[in-house]
Amino acid sequence: MATRQVDGGSESPGSTGAAPNTAFRGMLRGARILSDRRGFALEFQDAQGRATSVELPHDAVTLLMKIAPNIDAALLADEANLSSSLIAYPVHDWNVDSAGVDDGVAIFLRTSALVEAAFHFSLDDARTFHEEFGRSLRRALDARQRGGKPPT
């Protein structure tokens, strides 16, 4: 398996260190934590069946989490000829619980595509979220009772 470490580390044998002049095309097949626990590797397979691993530092996870929803929205917008604003995914499973040792509340969400996210609210933020969520829920229920018509 060819390996390329991003972030100034060593590269696979025979590599010149120069950036390739063509884009790699392949399928993402998985990910793994590096043995030194300082990063992770994304595992790809090209059209000829060759495996390639791209090693990234730990802080790349945050960047991927930030850009993935925008990429998904833009690609889906192109397919359906829609706006590329962020997508509100249907929640398939959820859980709300006290946050353990910290004052606060944690909410865990899972989409039908099994994408998971967890968020922590301070008690004050949880109270505000609860109030706003309640107002939005009442508006949605009122609209349903009116047959989907907005209030006049």
N, C-alpha and C. Protein backbone atom coordinates (compact mmCIF):
# COMPACT_ATOMS: atom_id res chain seq x y z
N MET A 1 0.85 -1.17 0.00
CA MET A 1 0.00 0.00 0.00
C MET A 1 0.89 1.23 0.00
N ALA A 2 0.63 2.15 -0.88
CA ALA A 2 1.37 3.41 -0.92
C ALA A 2 0.86 4.30 0.19
N THR A 3 1.77 5.02 0.83
CA THR A 3 1.38 5.92 1.91
C THR A 3 2.00 7.28 1.66
N ARG A 4 1.21 8.30 1.88
CA ARG A 4 1.71 9.67 1.79
C ARG A 4 1.28 10.37 3.06
N GLN A 5 2.23 10.88 3.81
CA GLN A 5 1.92 11.58 5.05
C GLN A 5 1.86 13.07 4.76
N VAL A 6 0.77 13.68 5.15
CA VAL A 6 0.60 15.11 4.96
C VAL A 6 1.02 15.80 6.24
N ASP A 7 1.64 16.96 6.16
CA ASP A 7 2.07 17.75 7.30
C ASP A 7 3.58 17.63 7.48
N GLY A 8 4.29 17.51 6.40
CA GLY A 8 5.74 17.59 6.47
C GLY A 8 6.45 16.33 6.90
N GLY A 9 5.77 15.22 7.02
CA GLY A 9 6.41 13.98 7.45
C GLY A 9 7.05 13.26 6.28
N SER A 10 7.52 12.05 6.55
CA SER A 10 8.16 11.27 5.50
C SER A 10 7.11 10.69 4.55
N GLU A 11 7.56 10.39 3.37
CA GLU A 11 6.68 9.83 2.36
C GLU A 11 7.14 8.43 2.00
N SER A 12 6.36 7.77 1.18
CA SER A 12 6.68 6.41 0.79
C SER A 12 8.00 6.37 0.00
N PRO A 13 8.67 5.23 0.01
CA PRO A 13 9.96 5.11 -0.70
C PRO A 13 9.81 5.46 -2.18
N GLY A 14 10.80 6.13 -2.72
CA GLY A 14 10.81 6.48 -4.13
C GLY A 14 10.06 7.75 -4.45
N SER A 15 9.49 8.37 -3.47
CA SER A 15 8.73 9.60 -3.70
C SER A 15 9.69 10.78 -3.79
N THR A 16 9.36 11.73 -4.65
CA THR A 16 10.20 12.91 -4.79
C THR A 16 9.83 13.99 -3.80
N GLY A 17 8.67 13.85 -3.15
CA GLY A 17 8.22 14.87 -2.22
C GLY A 17 7.44 15.97 -2.91
N ALA A 18 7.50 16.02 -4.24
CA ALA A 18 6.75 17.04 -4.97
C ALA A 18 5.29 16.65 -5.06
N ALA A 19 4.45 17.65 -5.06
CA ALA A 19 3.01 17.40 -5.17
C ALA A 19 2.72 16.80 -6.55
N PRO A 20 1.85 15.81 -6.62
CA PRO A 20 1.53 15.22 -7.92
C PRO A 20 0.82 16.26 -8.79
N ASN A 21 1.01 16.15 -10.12
CA ASN A 21 0.37 17.11 -11.01
C ASN A 21 -0.98 16.63 -11.51
N THR A 22 -1.43 15.47 -11.08
CA THR A 22 -2.75 14.98 -11.42
C THR A 22 -3.47 14.60 -10.14
N ALA A 23 -4.78 14.70 -10.16
CA ALA A 23 -5.58 14.36 -8.99
C ALA A 23 -5.73 12.84 -8.89
N PHE A 24 -5.71 12.36 -7.69
CA PHE A 24 -5.96 10.94 -7.45
C PHE A 24 -7.46 10.71 -7.57
N ARG A 25 -7.84 9.67 -8.28
CA ARG A 25 -9.25 9.29 -8.36
C ARG A 25 -9.39 7.90 -7.79
N GLY A 26 -10.29 7.77 -6.83
CA GLY A 26 -10.49 6.48 -6.21
C GLY A 26 -11.67 6.52 -5.27
N MET A 27 -11.91 5.42 -4.64
CA MET A 27 -13.01 5.28 -3.69
C MET A 27 -12.45 5.25 -2.28
N LEU A 28 -13.08 5.99 -1.39
CA LEU A 28 -12.72 5.94 0.02
C LEU A 28 -13.23 4.63 0.58
N ARG A 29 -12.33 3.85 1.18
CA ARG A 29 -12.68 2.52 1.67
C ARG A 29 -12.70 2.42 3.19
N GLY A 30 -12.11 3.39 3.87
CA GLY A 30 -12.10 3.32 5.32
C GLY A 30 -11.13 4.30 5.92
N ALA A 31 -11.01 4.21 7.23
CA ALA A 31 -10.10 5.07 7.97
C ALA A 31 -9.57 4.29 9.16
N ARG A 32 -8.40 4.71 9.63
CA ARG A 32 -7.82 4.07 10.82
C ARG A 32 -7.02 5.10 11.59
N ILE A 33 -6.89 4.87 12.89
CA ILE A 33 -6.07 5.71 13.76
C ILE A 33 -4.61 5.27 13.59
N LEU A 34 -3.71 6.21 13.48
CA LEU A 34 -2.28 5.89 13.36
C LEU A 34 -1.76 5.30 14.66
N SER A 35 -0.74 4.48 14.56
CA SER A 35 -0.21 3.78 15.74
C SER A 35 0.31 4.75 16.80
N ASP A 36 0.79 5.93 16.39
CA ASP A 36 1.27 6.90 17.38
C ASP A 36 0.14 7.74 17.97
N ARG A 37 -1.09 7.50 17.49
CA ARG A 37 -2.32 8.15 17.98
C ARG A 37 -2.29 9.67 17.79
N ARG A 38 -1.46 10.16 16.88
CA ARG A 38 -1.37 11.60 16.62
C ARG A 38 -2.13 12.00 15.35
N GLY A 39 -2.72 11.03 14.70
CA GLY A 39 -3.43 11.32 13.48
C GLY A 39 -4.19 10.10 13.01
N PHE A 40 -4.61 10.16 11.76
CA PHE A 40 -5.40 9.09 11.18
C PHE A 40 -5.05 8.95 9.71
N ALA A 41 -5.46 7.84 9.15
CA ALA A 41 -5.22 7.60 7.73
C ALA A 41 -6.54 7.31 7.04
N LEU A 42 -6.72 7.89 5.88
CA LEU A 42 -7.85 7.56 5.03
C LEU A 42 -7.37 6.55 4.01
N GLU A 43 -8.13 5.48 3.85
CA GLU A 43 -7.75 4.38 2.96
C GLU A 43 -8.55 4.48 1.67
N PHE A 44 -7.86 4.51 0.54
CA PHE A 44 -8.49 4.63 -0.77
C PHE A 44 -8.13 3.44 -1.64
N GLN A 45 -8.95 3.21 -2.67
CA GLN A 45 -8.65 2.20 -3.68
C GLN A 45 -8.88 2.84 -5.04
N ASP A 46 -7.89 2.73 -5.93
CA ASP A 46 -8.04 3.33 -7.25
C ASP A 46 -8.75 2.37 -8.21
N ALA A 47 -8.96 2.80 -9.44
CA ALA A 47 -9.71 2.02 -10.43
C ALA A 47 -9.03 0.70 -10.76
N GLN A 48 -7.71 0.62 -10.57
CA GLN A 48 -6.98 -0.61 -10.84
C GLN A 48 -6.92 -1.52 -9.60
N GLY A 49 -7.56 -1.12 -8.53
CA GLY A 49 -7.61 -1.94 -7.33
C GLY A 49 -6.45 -1.72 -6.37
N ARG A 50 -5.58 -0.76 -6.69
CA ARG A 50 -4.44 -0.48 -5.81
C ARG A 50 -4.91 0.34 -4.60
N ALA A 51 -4.38 -0.02 -3.45
CA ALA A 51 -4.73 0.69 -2.22
C ALA A 51 -3.74 1.82 -1.97
N THR A 52 -4.27 2.92 -1.48
CA THR A 52 -3.45 4.07 -1.11
C THR A 52 -3.95 4.59 0.22
N SER A 53 -3.03 4.98 1.07
CA SER A 53 -3.37 5.52 2.38
C SER A 53 -2.84 6.94 2.47
N VAL A 54 -3.68 7.86 2.91
CA VAL A 54 -3.27 9.24 3.12
C VAL A 54 -3.32 9.51 4.62
N GLU A 55 -2.15 9.82 5.20
CA GLU A 55 -2.08 10.08 6.63
C GLU A 55 -2.22 11.57 6.90
N LEU A 56 -3.05 11.89 7.88
CA LEU A 56 -3.35 13.28 8.22
C LEU A 56 -3.18 13.49 9.72
N PRO A 57 -2.82 14.72 10.12
CA PRO A 57 -2.71 15.00 11.55
C PRO A 57 -4.09 15.08 12.20
N HIS A 58 -4.13 14.95 13.51
CA HIS A 58 -5.38 14.94 14.26
C HIS A 58 -6.25 16.16 13.96
N ASP A 59 -5.66 17.35 13.83
CA ASP A 59 -6.49 18.54 13.63
C ASP A 59 -7.20 18.57 12.28
N ALA A 60 -6.85 17.68 11.37
CA ALA A 60 -7.56 17.60 10.09
C ALA A 60 -8.98 17.08 10.28
N VAL A 61 -9.24 16.36 11.37
CA VAL A 61 -10.61 15.86 11.64
C VAL A 61 -11.57 17.02 11.74
N THR A 62 -11.20 18.06 12.47
CA THR A 62 -12.08 19.22 12.63
C THR A 62 -12.36 19.87 11.28
N LEU A 63 -11.34 20.02 10.47
CA LEU A 63 -11.54 20.61 9.15
C LEU A 63 -12.49 19.76 8.31
N LEU A 64 -12.30 18.45 8.32
CA LEU A 64 -13.20 17.57 7.56
C LEU A 64 -14.64 17.67 8.06
N MET A 65 -14.81 17.76 9.39
CA MET A 65 -16.15 17.89 9.95
C MET A 65 -16.79 19.21 9.54
N LYS A 66 -15.98 20.26 9.39
CA LYS A 66 -16.51 21.57 9.00
C LYS A 66 -16.88 21.61 7.53
N ILE A 67 -16.09 20.99 6.67
CA ILE A 67 -16.33 21.13 5.23
C ILE A 67 -17.27 20.07 4.66
N ALA A 68 -17.37 18.91 5.30
CA ALA A 68 -18.18 17.82 4.74
C ALA A 68 -19.64 18.22 4.52
N PRO A 69 -20.31 18.88 5.46
CA PRO A 69 -21.72 19.26 5.19
C PRO A 69 -21.86 20.21 4.00
N ASN A 70 -20.90 21.12 3.83
CA ASN A 70 -20.96 22.05 2.70
C ASN A 70 -20.73 21.32 1.37
N ILE A 71 -19.82 20.36 1.36
CA ILE A 71 -19.58 19.58 0.15
C ILE A 71 -20.84 18.78 -0.19
N ASP A 72 -21.42 18.13 0.80
CA ASP A 72 -22.63 17.34 0.57
C ASP A 72 -23.75 18.21 0.04
N ALA A 73 -23.96 19.37 0.64
CA ALA A 73 -25.03 20.27 0.19
C ALA A 73 -24.80 20.73 -1.24
N ALA A 74 -23.57 21.09 -1.57
CA ALA A 74 -23.28 21.56 -2.93
C ALA A 74 -23.48 20.45 -3.96
N LEU A 75 -23.03 19.23 -3.66
CA LEU A 75 -23.20 18.12 -4.60
C LEU A 75 -24.67 17.76 -4.78
N LEU A 76 -25.42 17.72 -3.68
CA LEU A 76 -26.85 17.41 -3.78
C LEU A 76 -27.59 18.53 -4.50
N ALA A 77 -27.18 19.77 -4.29
CA ALA A 77 -27.81 20.89 -4.98
C ALA A 77 -27.59 20.78 -6.48
N ASP A 78 -26.38 20.40 -6.88
CA ASP A 78 -26.10 20.24 -8.31
C ASP A 78 -26.96 19.13 -8.92
N GLU A 79 -27.13 18.02 -8.18
CA GLU A 79 -27.93 16.90 -8.67
C GLU A 79 -29.40 17.29 -8.83
N ALA A 80 -29.93 18.07 -7.88
CA ALA A 80 -31.36 18.38 -7.87
C ALA A 80 -31.66 19.80 -8.34
N ASN A 81 -30.62 20.53 -8.78
CA ASN A 81 -30.78 21.90 -9.24
C ASN A 81 -31.42 22.78 -8.16
N LEU A 82 -30.89 22.70 -6.95
CA LEU A 82 -31.40 23.44 -5.80
C LEU A 82 -30.34 24.38 -5.25
N SER A 83 -30.72 25.13 -4.25
CA SER A 83 -29.78 25.98 -3.53
C SER A 83 -28.76 25.09 -2.83
N SER A 84 -27.55 25.61 -2.66
CA SER A 84 -26.52 24.80 -1.99
C SER A 84 -26.40 25.15 -0.50
N SER A 85 -27.51 25.60 0.10
CA SER A 85 -27.46 25.86 1.54
C SER A 85 -27.38 24.52 2.28
N LEU A 86 -26.98 24.57 3.53
CA LEU A 86 -26.83 23.33 4.29
C LEU A 86 -28.13 22.54 4.34
N ILE A 87 -28.00 21.25 4.47
CA ILE A 87 -29.13 20.34 4.46
C ILE A 87 -29.52 20.00 5.89
N ALA A 88 -30.81 20.01 6.17
CA ALA A 88 -31.31 19.54 7.46
C ALA A 88 -31.65 18.07 7.28
N TYR A 89 -30.79 17.21 7.80
CA TYR A 89 -30.96 15.77 7.64
C TYR A 89 -32.00 15.25 8.62
N PRO A 90 -32.83 14.29 8.22
CA PRO A 90 -33.79 13.69 9.16
C PRO A 90 -33.06 12.95 10.28
N VAL A 91 -33.51 13.17 11.50
CA VAL A 91 -32.93 12.49 12.65
C VAL A 91 -33.60 11.13 12.79
N HIS A 92 -32.78 10.09 12.85
CA HIS A 92 -33.27 8.72 12.94
C HIS A 92 -33.33 8.26 14.40
N ASP A 93 -32.38 8.71 15.19
CA ASP A 93 -32.31 8.31 16.59
C ASP A 93 -31.70 9.47 17.37
N TRP A 94 -32.08 9.62 18.62
CA TRP A 94 -31.53 10.70 19.45
C TRP A 94 -31.61 10.33 20.92
N ASN A 95 -30.83 11.04 21.70
CA ASN A 95 -30.81 10.85 23.14
C ASN A 95 -30.40 12.17 23.78
N VAL A 96 -31.04 12.51 24.88
CA VAL A 96 -30.69 13.69 25.66
C VAL A 96 -30.41 13.22 27.07
N ASP A 97 -29.31 13.70 27.65
CA ASP A 97 -28.94 13.25 28.98
C ASP A 97 -28.17 14.35 29.69
N SER A 98 -28.12 14.26 31.01
CA SER A 98 -27.26 15.19 31.74
C SER A 98 -25.83 14.92 31.30
N ALA A 99 -25.00 15.93 31.40
CA ALA A 99 -23.65 15.82 30.86
C ALA A 99 -22.65 15.22 31.84
N GLY A 100 -23.11 14.52 32.83
CA GLY A 100 -22.19 13.87 33.76
C GLY A 100 -21.65 14.83 34.79
N VAL A 101 -20.34 14.97 34.85
CA VAL A 101 -19.73 15.79 35.89
C VAL A 101 -19.92 17.28 35.66
N ASP A 102 -20.11 17.71 34.42
CA ASP A 102 -20.31 19.13 34.13
C ASP A 102 -21.78 19.49 34.28
N ASP A 103 -22.03 20.74 34.67
CA ASP A 103 -23.40 21.22 34.60
C ASP A 103 -23.76 21.37 33.14
N GLY A 104 -24.82 20.76 32.74
CA GLY A 104 -25.24 20.90 31.36
C GLY A 104 -25.99 19.68 30.88
N VAL A 105 -26.28 19.73 29.61
CA VAL A 105 -27.05 18.69 28.96
C VAL A 105 -26.33 18.31 27.66
N ALA A 106 -26.29 17.03 27.38
CA ALA A 106 -25.71 16.55 26.13
C ALA A 106 -26.82 15.98 25.26
N ILE A 107 -26.76 16.28 23.97
CA ILE A 107 -27.72 15.72 23.02
C ILE A 107 -26.93 14.94 21.97
N PHE A 108 -27.40 13.74 21.70
CA PHE A 108 -26.77 12.85 20.72
C PHE A 108 -27.78 12.63 19.60
N LEU A 109 -27.35 12.81 18.35
CA LEU A 109 -28.21 12.66 17.19
C LEU A 109 -27.60 11.67 16.21
N ARG A 110 -28.45 10.89 15.53
CA ARG A 110 -28.00 9.97 14.49
C ARG A 110 -28.98 10.10 13.33
N THR A 111 -28.44 10.28 12.12
CA THR A 111 -29.29 10.39 10.94
C THR A 111 -29.60 8.99 10.39
N SER A 112 -30.50 8.94 9.42
CA SER A 112 -30.82 7.66 8.78
C SER A 112 -29.62 7.10 8.03
N ALA A 113 -28.64 7.95 7.69
CA ALA A 113 -27.40 7.49 7.05
C ALA A 113 -26.36 7.08 8.09
N LEU A 114 -26.77 7.02 9.38
CA LEU A 114 -25.93 6.62 10.50
C LEU A 114 -24.79 7.60 10.79
N VAL A 115 -24.96 8.86 10.40
CA VAL A 115 -24.02 9.91 10.76
C VAL A 115 -24.38 10.34 12.18
N GLU A 116 -23.39 10.34 13.07
CA GLU A 116 -23.63 10.66 14.47
C GLU A 116 -22.98 11.99 14.85
N ALA A 117 -23.66 12.71 15.74
CA ALA A 117 -23.11 13.96 16.27
C ALA A 117 -23.57 14.09 17.71
N ALA A 118 -22.75 14.73 18.52
CA ALA A 118 -23.09 14.98 19.92
C ALA A 118 -22.75 16.43 20.23
N PHE A 119 -23.59 17.06 21.05
CA PHE A 119 -23.40 18.45 21.40
C PHE A 119 -23.64 18.63 22.90
N HIS A 120 -22.91 19.55 23.49
CA HIS A 120 -23.07 19.86 24.92
C HIS A 120 -23.63 21.27 25.05
N PHE A 121 -24.64 21.42 25.89
CA PHE A 121 -25.21 22.72 26.21
C PHE A 121 -24.96 23.01 27.68
N SER A 122 -24.54 24.23 28.00
CA SER A 122 -24.55 24.65 29.40
C SER A 122 -26.01 24.70 29.83
N LEU A 123 -26.26 24.76 31.11
CA LEU A 123 -27.66 24.81 31.57
C LEU A 123 -28.39 26.03 31.02
N ASP A 124 -27.73 27.18 31.01
CA ASP A 124 -28.38 28.39 30.47
C ASP A 124 -28.67 28.24 28.98
N ASP A 125 -27.71 27.72 28.23
CA ASP A 125 -27.94 27.52 26.79
C ASP A 125 -29.00 26.46 26.54
N ALA A 126 -29.04 25.41 27.37
CA ALA A 126 -30.06 24.37 27.22
C ALA A 126 -31.45 24.96 27.45
N ARG A 127 -31.58 25.83 28.44
CA ARG A 127 -32.87 26.47 28.72
C ARG A 127 -33.31 27.33 27.53
N THR A 128 -32.38 28.11 26.99
CA THR A 128 -32.71 28.95 25.82
C THR A 128 -33.06 28.09 24.61
N PHE A 129 -32.30 27.03 24.38
CA PHE A 129 -32.58 26.11 23.27
C PHE A 129 -33.97 25.50 23.45
N HIS A 130 -34.29 25.08 24.65
CA HIS A 130 -35.60 24.48 24.95
C HIS A 130 -36.72 25.47 24.62
N GLU A 131 -36.57 26.73 25.01
CA GLU A 131 -37.58 27.74 24.72
C GLU A 131 -37.74 27.96 23.22
N GLU A 132 -36.61 28.09 22.52
CA GLU A 132 -36.67 28.32 21.06
C GLU A 132 -37.24 27.10 20.33
N PHE A 133 -36.83 25.92 20.77
CA PHE A 133 -37.34 24.70 20.15
C PHE A 133 -38.85 24.61 20.37
N GLY A 134 -39.30 24.92 21.58
CA GLY A 134 -40.73 24.91 21.88
C GLY A 134 -41.51 25.87 21.01
N ARG A 135 -40.99 27.09 20.82
CA ARG A 135 -41.67 28.08 19.95
C ARG A 135 -41.75 27.56 18.52
N SER A 136 -40.64 27.01 18.02
CA SER A 136 -40.64 26.50 16.64
C SER A 136 -41.59 25.31 16.50
N LEU A 137 -41.64 24.45 17.50
CA LEU A 137 -42.55 23.31 17.47
C LEU A 137 -44.01 23.77 17.46
N ARG A 138 -44.33 24.76 18.29
CA ARG A 138 -45.70 25.29 18.30
C ARG A 138 -46.08 25.87 16.95
N ARG A 139 -45.17 26.63 16.32
CA ARG A 139 -45.46 27.19 14.99
C ARG A 139 -45.70 26.08 13.97
N ALA A 140 -44.87 25.04 14.00
CA ALA A 140 -45.03 23.94 13.05
C ALA A 140 -46.34 23.20 13.28
N LEU A 141 -46.71 22.97 14.54
CA LEU A 141 -47.98 22.29 14.83
C LEU A 141 -49.17 23.15 14.45
N ASP A 142 -49.07 24.45 14.69
CA ASP A 142 -50.15 25.37 14.28
C ASP A 142 -50.32 25.36 12.77
N ALA A 143 -49.20 25.38 12.04
CA ALA A 143 -49.25 25.35 10.57
C ALA A 143 -49.87 24.05 10.08
N ARG A 144 -49.57 22.94 10.72
CA ARG A 144 -50.16 21.66 10.34
C ARG A 144 -51.68 21.70 10.53
N GLN A 145 -52.12 22.26 11.65
CA GLN A 145 -53.56 22.34 11.92
C GLN A 145 -54.26 23.23 10.90
N ARG A 146 -53.59 24.24 10.37
CA ARG A 146 -54.16 25.12 9.36
C ARG A 146 -54.00 24.55 7.96
N GLY A 147 -53.52 23.35 7.85
CA GLY A 147 -53.32 22.72 6.54
C GLY A 147 -52.05 23.19 5.87
N GLY A 148 -51.05 23.56 6.65
CA GLY A 148 -49.77 23.99 6.10
C GLY A 148 -49.72 25.44 5.69
N LYS A 149 -50.80 26.19 5.97
CA LYS A 149 -50.83 27.61 5.59
C LYS A 149 -50.13 28.44 6.66
N PRO A 150 -49.34 29.44 6.23
CA PRO A 150 -48.67 30.29 7.21
C PRO A 150 -49.68 31.15 7.96
N PRO A 151 -49.34 31.60 9.17
CA PRO A 151 -50.27 32.45 9.92
C PRO A 151 -50.50 33.77 9.19
N THR A 152 -51.69 34.32 9.37
CA THR A 152 -52.02 35.61 8.71
C THR A 152 -51.92 36.76 9.68
